[in-house]
PDB file of all heavy atoms in Angstrom:
ATOM      1  N   ILE A   1       0.836  -1.232  -0.022  1.00  0.00           N
ATOM      2  CA  ILE A   1       0.004   0.025  -0.001  1.00  0.00           C
ATOM      3  C   ILE A   1       0.924   1.219  -0.009  1.00  0.00           C
ATOM      4  O   ILE A   1       1.701   1.429   0.903  1.00  0.00           O
ATOM      5  CB  ILE A   1      -0.925  -0.030   1.175  1.00  0.00           C
ATOM      6  CG1 ILE A   1      -1.879  -1.217   1.144  1.00  0.00           C
ATOM      7  CG2 ILE A   1      -1.781   1.256   1.262  1.00  0.00           C
ATOM      8  CD1 ILE A   1      -2.678  -1.514   2.414  1.00  0.00           C
ATOM      9  N   LYS A   2       0.773   2.081  -0.973  1.00  0.00           N
ATOM     10  CA  LYS A   2       1.670   3.259  -1.155  1.00  0.00           C
ATOM     11  C   LYS A   2       0.998   4.559  -0.856  1.00  0.00           C
ATOM     12  O   LYS A   2       1.674   5.564  -0.749  1.00  0.00           O
ATOM     13  CB  LYS A   2       2.196   3.254  -2.671  1.00  0.00           C
ATOM     14  CG  LYS A   2       2.848   1.975  -3.057  1.00  0.00           C
ATOM     15  CD  LYS A   2       3.976   1.533  -2.200  1.00  0.00           C
ATOM     16  CE  LYS A   2       4.592   0.263  -2.684  1.00  0.00           C
ATOM     17  NZ  LYS A   2       5.648  -0.225  -1.766  1.00  0.00           N
ATOM     18  N   SER A   3      -0.339   4.627  -0.741  1.00  0.00           N
ATOM     19  CA  SER A   3      -1.028   5.874  -0.466  1.00  0.00           C
ATOM     20  C   SER A   3      -2.140   5.631   0.473  1.00  0.00           C
ATOM     21  O   SER A   3      -2.425   4.505   0.946  1.00  0.00           O
ATOM     22  CB  SER A   3      -1.513   6.454  -1.763  1.00  0.00           C
ATOM     23  OG  SER A   3      -2.408   5.655  -2.417  1.00  0.00           O
ATOM     24  N   ASP A   4      -2.871   6.726   0.790  1.00  0.00           N
ATOM     25  CA  ASP A   4      -3.942   6.630   1.799  1.00  0.00           C
ATOM     26  C   ASP A   4      -5.103   5.721   1.308  1.00  0.00           C
ATOM     27  O   ASP A   4      -5.374   5.656   0.084  1.00  0.00           O
ATOM     28  CB  ASP A   4      -4.540   8.007   2.078  1.00  0.00           C
ATOM     29  CG  ASP A   4      -3.472   8.922   2.822  1.00  0.00           C
ATOM     30  OD1 ASP A   4      -2.545   8.353   3.435  1.00  0.00           O
ATOM     31  OD2 ASP A   4      -3.566  10.154   2.731  1.00  0.00           O
ATOM     32  N   LEU A   5      -5.753   5.115   2.240  1.00  0.00           N
ATOM     33  CA  LEU A   5      -6.895   4.270   1.889  1.00  0.00           C
ATOM     34  C   LEU A   5      -8.192   5.020   2.147  1.00  0.00           C
ATOM     35  O   LEU A   5      -8.305   5.891   2.956  1.00  0.00           O
ATOM     36  CB  LEU A   5      -6.872   3.015   2.809  1.00  0.00           C
ATOM     37  CG  LEU A   5      -5.692   2.036   2.663  1.00  0.00           C
ATOM     38  CD1 LEU A   5      -5.837   0.841   3.622  1.00  0.00           C
ATOM     39  CD2 LEU A   5      -5.537   1.537   1.228  1.00  0.00           C
ATOM     40  N   THR A   6      -9.199   4.600   1.326  1.00  0.00           N
ATOM     41  CA  THR A   6     -10.464   5.248   1.409  1.00  0.00           C
ATOM     42  C   THR A   6     -11.585   4.160   1.484  1.00  0.00           C
ATOM     43  O   THR A   6     -11.518   3.181   0.723  1.00  0.00           O
ATOM     44  CB  THR A   6     -10.771   6.112   0.187  1.00  0.00           C
ATOM     45  OG1 THR A   6      -9.721   7.083   0.041  1.00  0.00           O
ATOM     46  CG2 THR A   6     -12.056   6.905   0.356  1.00  0.00           C
ATOM     47  N   LEU A   7     -12.489   4.355   2.367  1.00  0.00           N
ATOM     48  CA  LEU A   7     -13.695   3.495   2.466  1.00  0.00           C
ATOM     49  C   LEU A   7     -14.817   4.260   1.803  1.00  0.00           C
ATOM     50  O   LEU A   7     -15.178   5.363   2.229  1.00  0.00           O
ATOM     51  CB  LEU A   7     -14.094   3.198   3.900  1.00  0.00           C
ATOM     52  CG  LEU A   7     -15.075   2.176   4.268  1.00  0.00           C
ATOM     53  CD1 LEU A   7     -14.671   0.788   3.750  1.00  0.00           C
ATOM     54  CD2 LEU A   7     -15.376   2.163   5.729  1.00  0.00           C
ATOM     55  N   ARG A   8     -15.415   3.756   0.689  1.00  0.00           N
ATOM     56  CA  ARG A   8     -16.329   4.597  -0.104  1.00  0.00           C
ATOM     57  C   ARG A   8     -17.203   3.741  -1.018  1.00  0.00           C
ATOM     58  O   ARG A   8     -17.099   2.501  -1.132  1.00  0.00           O
ATOM     59  CB  ARG A   8     -15.518   5.506  -1.045  1.00  0.00           C
ATOM     60  CG  ARG A   8     -14.624   4.824  -2.008  1.00  0.00           C
ATOM     61  CD  ARG A   8     -13.911   5.789  -2.927  1.00  0.00           C
ATOM     62  NE  ARG A   8     -12.875   5.238  -3.771  1.00  0.00           N
ATOM     63  CZ  ARG A   8     -13.036   4.436  -4.830  1.00  0.00           C
ATOM     64  NH1 ARG A   8     -14.287   4.139  -5.140  1.00  0.00           N
ATOM     65  NH2 ARG A   8     -12.028   3.961  -5.481  1.00  0.00           N
ATOM     66  N   ASN A   9     -18.172   4.482  -1.676  1.00  0.00           N
ATOM     67  CA  ASN A   9     -18.960   3.831  -2.709  1.00  0.00           C
ATOM     68  C   ASN A   9     -18.162   3.676  -3.918  1.00  0.00           C
ATOM     69  O   ASN A   9     -17.179   4.402  -4.167  1.00  0.00           O
ATOM     70  CB  ASN A   9     -20.208   4.671  -2.964  1.00  0.00           C
ATOM     71  CG  ASN A   9     -21.175   4.831  -1.783  1.00  0.00           C
ATOM     72  OD1 ASN A   9     -21.655   5.961  -1.541  1.00  0.00           O
ATOM     73  ND2 ASN A   9     -21.393   3.698  -1.038  1.00  0.00           N
ATOM     74  N   PRO A  10     -18.527   2.731  -4.845  1.00  0.00           N
ATOM     75  CA  PRO A  10     -17.808   2.574  -6.090  1.00  0.00           C
ATOM     76  C   PRO A  10     -17.880   3.820  -6.971  1.00  0.00           C
ATOM     77  O   PRO A  10     -18.800   4.615  -6.890  1.00  0.00           O
ATOM     78  CB  PRO A  10     -18.518   1.425  -6.750  1.00  0.00           C
ATOM     79  CG  PRO A  10     -19.198   0.704  -5.626  1.00  0.00           C
ATOM     80  CD  PRO A  10     -19.595   1.754  -4.650  1.00  0.00           C
ATOM     81  N   ARG A  11     -16.836   3.994  -7.827  1.00  0.00           N
ATOM     82  CA  ARG A  11     -16.849   5.047  -8.810  1.00  0.00           C
ATOM     83  C   ARG A  11     -16.287   4.534 -10.141  1.00  0.00           C
ATOM     84  O   ARG A  11     -15.639   3.513 -10.136  1.00  0.00           O
ATOM     85  CB  ARG A  11     -16.109   6.258  -8.307  1.00  0.00           C
ATOM     86  CG  ARG A  11     -14.593   6.019  -8.087  1.00  0.00           C
ATOM     87  CD  ARG A  11     -13.993   7.228  -7.396  1.00  0.00           C
ATOM     88  NE  ARG A  11     -12.562   6.989  -7.214  1.00  0.00           N
ATOM     89  CZ  ARG A  11     -11.786   7.741  -6.427  1.00  0.00           C
ATOM     90  NH1 ARG A  11     -12.307   8.739  -5.733  1.00  0.00           N
ATOM     91  NH2 ARG A  11     -10.527   7.525  -6.394  1.00  0.00           N
ATOM     92  N   GLN A  12     -16.522   5.294 -11.163  1.00  0.00           N
ATOM     93  CA  GLN A  12     -16.055   4.961 -12.484  1.00  0.00           C
ATOM     94  C   GLN A  12     -14.552   4.760 -12.480  1.00  0.00           C
ATOM     95  O   GLN A  12     -13.782   5.633 -11.936  1.00  0.00           O
ATOM     96  CB  GLN A  12     -16.487   5.975 -13.511  1.00  0.00           C
ATOM     97  CG  GLN A  12     -16.235   5.528 -14.920  1.00  0.00           C
ATOM     98  CD  GLN A  12     -16.797   6.527 -15.930  1.00  0.00           C
ATOM     99  OE1 GLN A  12     -17.328   7.494 -15.632  1.00  0.00           O
ATOM    100  NE2 GLN A  12     -16.747   6.175 -17.232  1.00  0.00           N
ATOM    101  N   GLY A  13     -14.032   3.698 -13.128  1.00  0.00           N
ATOM    102  CA  GLY A  13     -12.601   3.418 -13.175  1.00  0.00           C
ATOM    103  C   GLY A  13     -12.097   2.510 -12.136  1.00  0.00           C
ATOM    104  O   GLY A  13     -10.945   2.093 -12.199  1.00  0.00           O
ATOM    105  N   ASP A  14     -12.910   2.083 -11.156  1.00  0.00           N
ATOM    106  CA  ASP A  14     -12.424   1.205 -10.127  1.00  0.00           C
ATOM    107  C   ASP A  14     -12.107  -0.179 -10.705  1.00  0.00           C
ATOM    108  O   ASP A  14     -12.749  -0.655 -11.686  1.00  0.00           O
ATOM    109  CB  ASP A  14     -13.561   0.996  -9.089  1.00  0.00           C
ATOM    110  CG  ASP A  14     -13.611   2.149  -8.090  1.00  0.00           C
ATOM    111  OD1 ASP A  14     -12.708   2.981  -8.090  1.00  0.00           O
ATOM    112  OD2 ASP A  14     -14.544   2.187  -7.305  1.00  0.00           O
ATOM    113  N   TYR A  15     -11.062  -0.813 -10.206  1.00  0.00           N
ATOM    114  CA  TYR A  15     -10.632  -2.127 -10.673  1.00  0.00           C
ATOM    115  C   TYR A  15      -9.942  -2.921  -9.596  1.00  0.00           C
ATOM    116  O   TYR A  15      -9.666  -2.368  -8.510  1.00  0.00           O
ATOM    117  CB  TYR A  15      -9.641  -1.913 -11.833  1.00  0.00           C
ATOM    118  CG  TYR A  15      -8.302  -1.432 -11.333  1.00  0.00           C
ATOM    119  CD1 TYR A  15      -7.250  -2.358 -11.114  1.00  0.00           C
ATOM    120  CD2 TYR A  15      -8.080  -0.043 -11.365  1.00  0.00           C
ATOM    121  CE1 TYR A  15      -6.041  -1.867 -10.658  1.00  0.00           C
ATOM    122  CE2 TYR A  15      -6.809   0.397 -10.880  1.00  0.00           C
ATOM    123  CZ  TYR A  15      -5.797  -0.488 -10.548  1.00  0.00           C
ATOM    124  OH  TYR A  15      -4.583  -0.003 -10.151  1.00  0.00           O
ATOM    125  N   PHE A  16      -9.770  -4.180  -9.746  1.00  0.00           N
ATOM    126  CA  PHE A  16      -8.896  -4.962  -8.809  1.00  0.00           C
ATOM    127  C   PHE A  16      -8.092  -5.946  -9.736  1.00  0.00           C
ATOM    128  O   PHE A  16      -8.343  -6.123 -10.910  1.00  0.00           O
ATOM    129  CB  PHE A  16      -9.697  -5.672  -7.763  1.00  0.00           C
ATOM    130  CG  PHE A  16     -10.875  -6.496  -8.252  1.00  0.00           C
ATOM    131  CD1 PHE A  16     -10.744  -7.729  -8.814  1.00  0.00           C
ATOM    132  CD2 PHE A  16     -12.169  -5.937  -8.190  1.00  0.00           C
ATOM    133  CE1 PHE A  16     -11.781  -8.452  -9.245  1.00  0.00           C
ATOM    134  CE2 PHE A  16     -13.240  -6.604  -8.640  1.00  0.00           C
ATOM    135  CZ  PHE A  16     -13.095  -7.903  -9.170  1.00  0.00           C
ATOM    136  N   VAL A  17      -7.053  -6.503  -9.127  1.00  0.00           N
ATOM    137  CA  VAL A  17      -6.162  -7.413  -9.835  1.00  0.00           C
ATOM    138  C   VAL A  17      -6.740  -8.891  -9.589  1.00  0.00           C
ATOM    139  O   VAL A  17      -6.931  -9.257  -8.376  1.00  0.00           O
ATOM    140  CB  VAL A  17      -4.674  -7.299  -9.401  1.00  0.00           C
ATOM    141  CG1 VAL A  17      -3.825  -8.390 -10.007  1.00  0.00           C
ATOM    142  CG2 VAL A  17      -4.197  -5.900  -9.762  1.00  0.00           C
ATOM    143  N   VAL A  18      -6.823  -9.678 -10.578  1.00  0.00           N
ATOM    144  CA  VAL A  18      -7.444 -10.970 -10.473  1.00  0.00           C
ATOM    145  C   VAL A  18      -6.487 -12.123 -10.371  1.00  0.00           C
ATOM    146  O   VAL A  18      -6.931 -13.272 -10.017  1.00  0.00           O
ATOM    147  CB  VAL A  18      -8.396 -11.194 -11.640  1.00  0.00           C
ATOM    148  CG1 VAL A  18      -9.512 -10.217 -11.608  1.00  0.00           C
ATOM    149  CG2 VAL A  18      -7.675 -11.184 -13.025  1.00  0.00           C
ATOM    150  N   ASP A  19      -5.228 -11.957 -10.684  1.00  0.00           N
ATOM    151  CA  ASP A  19      -4.249 -13.086 -10.626  1.00  0.00           C
ATOM    152  C   ASP A  19      -2.822 -12.614 -10.340  1.00  0.00           C
ATOM    153  O   ASP A  19      -2.605 -11.316 -10.316  1.00  0.00           O
ATOM    154  CB  ASP A  19      -4.314 -13.915 -11.922  1.00  0.00           C
ATOM    155  CG  ASP A  19      -4.019 -13.116 -13.126  1.00  0.00           C
ATOM    156  OD1 ASP A  19      -3.324 -12.093 -13.059  1.00  0.00           O
ATOM    157  OD2 ASP A  19      -4.633 -13.434 -14.240  1.00  0.00           O
ATOM    158  N   ALA A  20      -1.918 -13.529 -10.163  1.00  0.00           N
ATOM    159  CA  ALA A  20      -0.503 -13.167  -9.880  1.00  0.00           C
ATOM    160  C   ALA A  20       0.208 -12.533 -11.013  1.00  0.00           C
ATOM    161  O   ALA A  20       1.198 -11.857 -10.898  1.00  0.00           O
ATOM    162  CB  ALA A  20       0.239 -14.468  -9.465  1.00  0.00           C
ATOM    163  N   MET A  21      -0.440 -12.646 -12.266  1.00  0.00           N
ATOM    164  CA  MET A  21       0.202 -12.045 -13.469  1.00  0.00           C
ATOM    165  C   MET A  21      -0.189 -10.534 -13.550  1.00  0.00           C
ATOM    166  O   MET A  21       0.335  -9.833 -14.426  1.00  0.00           O
ATOM    167  CB  MET A  21      -0.331 -12.722 -14.723  1.00  0.00           C
ATOM    168  CG  MET A  21      -0.032 -14.243 -14.750  1.00  0.00           C
ATOM    169  SD  MET A  21       1.687 -14.566 -14.724  1.00  0.00           S
ATOM    170  CE  MET A  21       2.182 -13.955 -16.331  1.00  0.00           C
ATOM    171  N   GLY A  22      -1.039 -10.053 -12.672  1.00  0.00           N
ATOM    172  CA  GLY A  22      -1.379  -8.656 -12.690  1.00  0.00           C
ATOM    173  C   GLY A  22      -2.499  -8.252 -13.536  1.00  0.00           C
ATOM    174  O   GLY A  22      -2.713  -7.054 -13.829  1.00  0.00           O
ATOM    175  N   HIS A  23      -3.308  -9.195 -14.016  1.00  0.00           N
ATOM    176  CA  HIS A  23      -4.429  -8.888 -14.894  1.00  0.00           C
ATOM    177  C   HIS A  23      -5.483  -8.183 -14.104  1.00  0.00           C
ATOM    178  O   HIS A  23      -5.840  -8.548 -12.961  1.00  0.00           O
ATOM    179  CB  HIS A  23      -5.004 -10.166 -15.565  1.00  0.00           C
ATOM    180  CG  HIS A  23      -4.026 -10.800 -16.502  1.00  0.00           C
ATOM    181  ND1 HIS A  23      -3.557 -12.058 -16.350  1.00  0.00           N
ATOM    182  CD2 HIS A  23      -3.486 -10.354 -17.618  1.00  0.00           C
ATOM    183  CE1 HIS A  23      -2.764 -12.414 -17.328  1.00  0.00           C
ATOM    184  NE2 HIS A  23      -2.666 -11.363 -18.081  1.00  0.00           N
ATOM    185  N   LYS A  24      -6.022  -7.131 -14.735  1.00  0.00           N
ATOM    186  CA  LYS A  24      -7.014  -6.306 -14.034  1.00  0.00           C
ATOM    187  C   LYS A  24      -8.416  -6.603 -14.493  1.00  0.00           C
ATOM    188  O   LYS A  24      -8.682  -7.063 -15.612  1.00  0.00           O
ATOM    189  CB  LYS A  24      -6.724  -4.812 -14.261  1.00  0.00           C
ATOM    190  CG  LYS A  24      -5.391  -4.346 -13.770  1.00  0.00           C
ATOM    191  CD  LYS A  24      -5.171  -2.859 -14.025  1.00  0.00           C
ATOM    192  CE  LYS A  24      -3.775  -2.350 -13.539  1.00  0.00           C
ATOM    193  NZ  LYS A  24      -3.648  -0.967 -13.884  1.00  0.00           N
ATOM    194  N   LYS A  25      -9.382  -6.313 -13.645  1.00  0.00           N
ATOM    195  CA  LYS A  25     -10.799  -6.477 -13.957  1.00  0.00           C
ATOM    196  C   LYS A  25     -11.574  -5.295 -13.378  1.00  0.00           C
ATOM    197  O   LYS A  25     -11.354  -4.881 -12.283  1.00  0.00           O
ATOM    198  CB  LYS A  25     -11.332  -7.817 -13.376  1.00  0.00           C
ATOM    199  CG  LYS A  25     -12.852  -8.067 -13.700  1.00  0.00           C
ATOM    200  CD  LYS A  25     -13.294  -9.368 -13.175  1.00  0.00           C
ATOM    201  CE  LYS A  25     -14.751  -9.654 -13.682  1.00  0.00           C
ATOM    202  NZ  LYS A  25     -15.139 -10.992 -13.263  1.00  0.00           N
ATOM    203  N   LYS A  26     -12.353  -4.637 -14.275  1.00  0.00           N
ATOM    204  CA  LYS A  26     -13.128  -3.512 -13.795  1.00  0.00           C
ATOM    205  C   LYS A  26     -14.171  -3.938 -12.683  1.00  0.00           C
ATOM    206  O   LYS A  26     -14.757  -5.077 -12.833  1.00  0.00           O
ATOM    207  CB  LYS A  26     -13.932  -2.947 -14.959  1.00  0.00           C
ATOM    208  CG  LYS A  26     -12.966  -2.171 -15.902  1.00  0.00           C
ATOM    209  CD  LYS A  26     -13.812  -1.457 -16.938  1.00  0.00           C
ATOM    210  CE  LYS A  26     -12.942  -0.674 -17.912  1.00  0.00           C
ATOM    211  NZ  LYS A  26     -13.714   0.047 -18.965  1.00  0.00           N
ATOM    212  N   LEU A  27     -14.310  -3.105 -11.751  1.00  0.00           N
ATOM    213  CA  LEU A  27     -15.336  -3.425 -10.697  1.00  0.00           C
ATOM    214  C   LEU A  27     -16.708  -3.515 -11.288  1.00  0.00           C
ATOM    215  O   LEU A  27     -17.524  -4.361 -10.887  1.00  0.00           O
ATOM    216  CB  LEU A  27     -15.218  -2.356  -9.586  1.00  0.00           C
ATOM    217  CG  LEU A  27     -16.227  -2.580  -8.407  1.00  0.00           C
ATOM    218  CD1 LEU A  27     -15.841  -3.823  -7.651  1.00  0.00           C
ATOM    219  CD2 LEU A  27     -16.118  -1.404  -7.476  1.00  0.00           C
ATOM    220  N   SER A  28     -17.014  -2.637 -12.263  1.00  0.00           N
ATOM    221  CA  SER A  28     -18.314  -2.653 -12.880  1.00  0.00           C
ATOM    222  C   SER A  28     -18.633  -4.012 -13.546  1.00  0.00           C
ATOM    223  O   SER A  28     -19.770  -4.527 -13.538  1.00  0.00           O
ATOM    224  CB  SER A  28     -18.460  -1.505 -13.909  1.00  0.00           C
ATOM    225  OG  SER A  28     -17.446  -1.642 -14.899  1.00  0.00           O
ATOM    226  N   ARG A  29     -17.552  -4.594 -14.156  1.00  0.00           N
ATOM    227  CA  ARG A  29     -17.743  -5.876 -14.822  1.00  0.00           C
ATOM    228  C   ARG A  29     -17.943  -6.982 -13.765  1.00  0.00           C
ATOM    229  O   ARG A  29     -18.735  -7.916 -13.954  1.00  0.00           O
ATOM    230  CB  ARG A  29     -16.447  -6.222 -15.585  1.00  0.00           C
ATOM    231  CG  ARG A  29     -16.451  -7.547 -16.381  1.00  0.00           C
ATOM    232  CD  ARG A  29     -17.391  -7.368 -17.529  1.00  0.00           C
ATOM    233  NE  ARG A  29     -18.558  -8.223 -17.430  1.00  0.00           N
ATOM    234  CZ  ARG A  29     -19.566  -8.205 -18.325  1.00  0.00           C
ATOM    235  NH1 ARG A  29     -19.468  -7.444 -19.394  1.00  0.00           N
ATOM    236  NH2 ARG A  29     -20.605  -8.944 -18.091  1.00  0.00           N
ATOM    237  N   HIS A  30     -17.282  -6.863 -12.659  1.00  0.00           N
ATOM    238  CA  HIS A  30     -17.492  -7.806 -11.526  1.00  0.00           C
ATOM    239  C   HIS A  30     -18.911  -7.737 -11.090  1.00  0.00           C
ATOM    240  O   HIS A  30     -19.568  -8.836 -10.819  1.00  0.00           O
ATOM    241  CB  HIS A  30     -16.562  -7.443 -10.347  1.00  0.00           C
ATOM    242  CG  HIS A  30     -16.859  -8.118  -9.115  1.00  0.00           C
ATOM    243  ND1 HIS A  30     -16.688  -9.505  -8.878  1.00  0.00           N
ATOM    244  CD2 HIS A  30     -17.394  -7.663  -7.928  1.00  0.00           C
ATOM    245  CE1 HIS A  30     -17.027  -9.777  -7.701  1.00  0.00           C
ATOM    246  NE2 HIS A  30     -17.467  -8.698  -7.060  1.00  0.00           N
ATOM    247  N   PHE A  31     -19.498  -6.569 -10.961  1.00  0.00           N
ATOM    248  CA  PHE A  31     -20.933  -6.431 -10.481  1.00  0.00           C
ATOM    249  C   PHE A  31     -21.825  -7.067 -11.516  1.00  0.00           C
ATOM    250  O   PHE A  31     -22.818  -7.666 -11.124  1.00  0.00           O
ATOM    251  CB  PHE A  31     -21.316  -4.925 -10.364  1.00  0.00           C
ATOM    252  CG  PHE A  31     -20.698  -4.188  -9.118  1.00  0.00           C
ATOM    253  CD1 PHE A  31     -20.449  -2.889  -9.158  1.00  0.00           C
ATOM    254  CD2 PHE A  31     -20.329  -5.041  -8.063  1.00  0.00           C
ATOM    255  CE1 PHE A  31     -19.947  -2.245  -8.017  1.00  0.00           C
ATOM    256  CE2 PHE A  31     -19.832  -4.368  -6.899  1.00  0.00           C
ATOM    257  CZ  PHE A  31     -19.541  -2.986  -6.930  1.00  0.00           C
ATOM    258  N   ILE A  32     -21.559  -6.896 -12.786  1.00  0.00           N
ATOM    259  CA  ILE A  32     -22.364  -7.497 -13.784  1.00  0.00           C
ATOM    260  C   ILE A  32     -22.314  -9.073 -13.779  1.00  0.00           C
ATOM    261  O   ILE A  32     -23.298  -9.722 -13.768  1.00  0.00           O
ATOM    262  CB  ILE A  32     -21.918  -7.005 -15.218  1.00  0.00           C
ATOM    263  CG1 ILE A  32     -22.246  -5.515 -15.419  1.00  0.00           C
ATOM    264  CG2 ILE A  32     -22.630  -7.872 -16.355  1.00  0.00           C
ATOM    265  CD1 ILE A  32     -21.710  -4.913 -16.692  1.00  0.00           C
ATOM    266  N   ASP A  33     -21.107  -9.552 -13.596  1.00  0.00           N
ATOM    267  CA  ASP A  33     -20.925 -10.989 -13.523  1.00  0.00           C
ATOM    268  C   ASP A  33     -21.572 -11.576 -12.287  1.00  0.00           C
ATOM    269  O   ASP A  33     -22.092 -12.733 -12.362  1.00  0.00           O
ATOM    270  CB  ASP A  33     -19.443 -11.341 -13.504  1.00  0.00           C
ATOM    271  CG  ASP A  33     -18.724 -11.036 -14.755  1.00  0.00           C
ATOM    272  OD1 ASP A  33     -19.353 -10.854 -15.795  1.00  0.00           O
ATOM    273  OD2 ASP A  33     -17.438 -10.976 -14.783  1.00  0.00           O
ATOM    274  N   LYS A  34     -21.590 -10.829 -11.212  1.00  0.00           N
ATOM    275  CA  LYS A  34     -22.261 -11.324 -10.031  1.00  0.00           C
ATOM    276  C   LYS A  34     -23.783 -10.987  -9.933  1.00  0.00           C
ATOM    277  O   LYS A  34     -24.485 -11.315  -9.047  1.00  0.00           O
ATOM    278  CB  LYS A  34     -21.688 -10.627  -8.758  1.00  0.00           C
ATOM    279  CG  LYS A  34     -20.239 -11.104  -8.458  1.00  0.00           C
ATOM    280  CD  LYS A  34     -20.336 -12.559  -8.043  1.00  0.00           C
ATOM    281  CE  LYS A  34     -18.916 -13.103  -7.657  1.00  0.00           C
ATOM    282  NZ  LYS A  34     -18.923 -14.542  -7.199  1.00  0.00           N
ATOM    283  N   LYS A  35     -24.250 -10.389 -11.095  1.00  0.00           N
ATOM    284  CA  LYS A  35     -25.638 -10.041 -11.258  1.00  0.00           C
ATOM    285  C   LYS A  35     -26.218  -9.175 -10.144  1.00  0.00           C
ATOM    286  O   LYS A  35     -27.304  -9.309  -9.575  1.00  0.00           O
ATOM    287  CB  LYS A  35     -26.546 -11.302 -11.335  1.00  0.00           C
ATOM    288  CG  LYS A  35     -26.213 -12.160 -12.555  1.00  0.00           C
ATOM    289  CD  LYS A  35     -27.219 -13.281 -12.778  1.00  0.00           C
ATOM    290  CE  LYS A  35     -26.859 -14.178 -13.943  1.00  0.00           C
ATOM    291  NZ  LYS A  35     -26.635 -13.496 -15.210  1.00  0.00           N
ATOM    292  N   ILE A  36     -25.355  -8.214  -9.786  1.00  0.00           N
ATOM    293  CA  ILE A  36     -25.789  -7.227  -8.794  1.00  0.00           C
ATOM    294  C   ILE A  36     -26.577  -6.171  -9.517  1.00  0.00           C
ATOM    295  O   ILE A  36     -26.074  -5.541 -10.450  1.00  0.00           O
ATOM    296  CB  ILE A  36     -24.571  -6.553  -8.077  1.00  0.00           C
ATOM    297  CG1 ILE A  36     -23.803  -7.627  -7.284  1.00  0.00           C
ATOM    298  CG2 ILE A  36     -25.003  -5.416  -7.131  1.00  0.00           C
ATOM    299  CD1 ILE A  36     -22.560  -7.185  -6.598  1.00  0.00           C
ATOM    300  N   PRO A  37     -27.861  -5.923  -9.151  1.00  0.00           N
ATOM    301  CA  PRO A  37     -28.703  -5.027  -9.865  1.00  0.00           C
ATOM    302  C   PRO A  37     -28.134  -3.585  -9.967  1.00  0.00           C
ATOM    303  O   PRO A  37     -27.402  -3.128  -9.081  1.00  0.00           O
ATOM    304  CB  PRO A  37     -29.974  -5.008  -9.043  1.00  0.00           C
ATOM    305  CG  PRO A  37     -29.989  -6.293  -8.322  1.00  0.00           C
ATOM    306  CD  PRO A  37     -28.570  -6.615  -8.025  1.00  0.00           C
ATOM    307  N   CYS A  38     -28.449  -2.948 -11.087  1.00  0.00           N
ATOM    308  CA  CYS A  38     -27.876  -1.584 -11.278  1.00  0.00           C
ATOM    309  C   CYS A  38     -28.253  -0.653 -10.118  1.00  0.00           C
ATOM    310  O   CYS A  38     -27.430   0.121  -9.728  1.00  0.00           O
ATOM    311  CB  CYS A  38     -28.494  -0.979 -12.556  1.00  0.00           C
ATOM    312  SG  CYS A  38     -27.989  -1.784 -14.083  1.00  0.00           S
ATOM    313  N   GLU A  39     -29.479  -0.802  -9.612  1.00  0.00           N
ATOM    314  CA  GLU A  39     -29.889   0.075  -8.536  1.00  0.00           C
ATOM    315  C   GLU A  39     -29.112  -0.089  -7.268  1.00  0.00           C
ATOM    316  O   GLU A  39     -29.032   0.815  -6.437  1.00  0.00           O
ATOM    317  CB  GLU A  39     -31.409  -0.190  -8.190  1.00  0.00           C
ATOM    318  CG  GLU A  39     -32.353   0.046  -9.367  1.00  0.00           C
ATOM    319  CD  GLU A  39     -32.230   1.510  -9.858  1.00  0.00           C
ATOM    320  OE1 GLU A  39     -32.460   2.435  -9.037  1.00  0.00           O
ATOM    321  OE2 GLU A  39     -31.920   1.720 -11.055  1.00  0.00           O
ATOM    322  N   GLU A  40     -28.475  -1.283  -7.075  1.00  0.00           N
ATOM    323  CA  GLU A  40     -27.732  -1.545  -5.843  1.00  0.00           C
ATOM    324  C   GLU A  40     -26.218  -1.331  -5.984  1.00  0.00           C
ATOM    325  O   GLU A  40     -25.522  -1.161  -4.967  1.00  0.00           O
ATOM    326  CB  GLU A  40     -27.924  -3.026  -5.449  1.00  0.00           C
ATOM    327  CG  GLU A  40     -29.364  -3.344  -5.131  1.00  0.00           C
ATOM    328  CD  GLU A  40     -29.550  -4.798  -4.709  1.00  0.00           C
ATOM    329  OE1 GLU A  40     -28.584  -5.473  -4.449  1.00  0.00           O
ATOM    330  OE2 GLU A  40     -30.745  -5.244  -4.697  1.00  0.00           O
ATOM    331  N   ARG A  41     -25.745  -1.145  -7.178  1.00  0.00           N
ATOM    332  CA  ARG A  41     -24.323  -1.032  -7.388  1.00  0.00           C
ATOM    333  C   ARG A  41     -23.718   0.206  -6.721  1.00  0.00           C
ATOM    334  O   ARG A  41     -22.695   0.227  -6.117  1.00  0.00           O
ATOM    335  CB  ARG A  41     -23.914  -1.009  -8.880  1.00  0.00           C
ATOM    336  CG  ARG A  41     -24.241  -2.370  -9.553  1.00  0.00           C
ATOM    337  CD  ARG A  41     -24.069  -2.320 -11.028  1.00  0.00           C
ATOM    338  NE  ARG A  41     -24.627  -3.516 -11.641  1.00  0.00           N
ATOM    339  CZ  ARG A  41     -24.839  -3.661 -12.893  1.00  0.00           C
ATOM    340  NH1 ARG A  41     -24.420  -2.681 -13.794  1.00  0.00           N
ATOM    341  NH2 ARG A  41     -25.430  -4.784 -13.398  1.00  0.00           N
ATOM    342  N   ALA A  42     -24.448   1.353  -6.927  1.00  0.00           N
ATOM    343  CA  ALA A  42     -23.952   2.619  -6.311  1.00  0.00           C
ATOM    344  C   ALA A  42     -23.962   2.570  -4.823  1.00  0.00           C
ATOM    345  O   ALA A  42     -23.326   3.440  -4.188  1.00  0.00           O
ATOM    346  CB  ALA A  42     -24.807   3.777  -6.834  1.00  0.00           C
TER     347      ALA A  42
END
């Protein structure tokens, strides 16, 4: 961790790393895959 942490609601551009190779996945795509309704994502 190189900078300050924030506890917050999601925002555009959020991502996480999915494997040791450093591949990224958008948080919005994760919500879609998990079938989290649009109304609940924010």
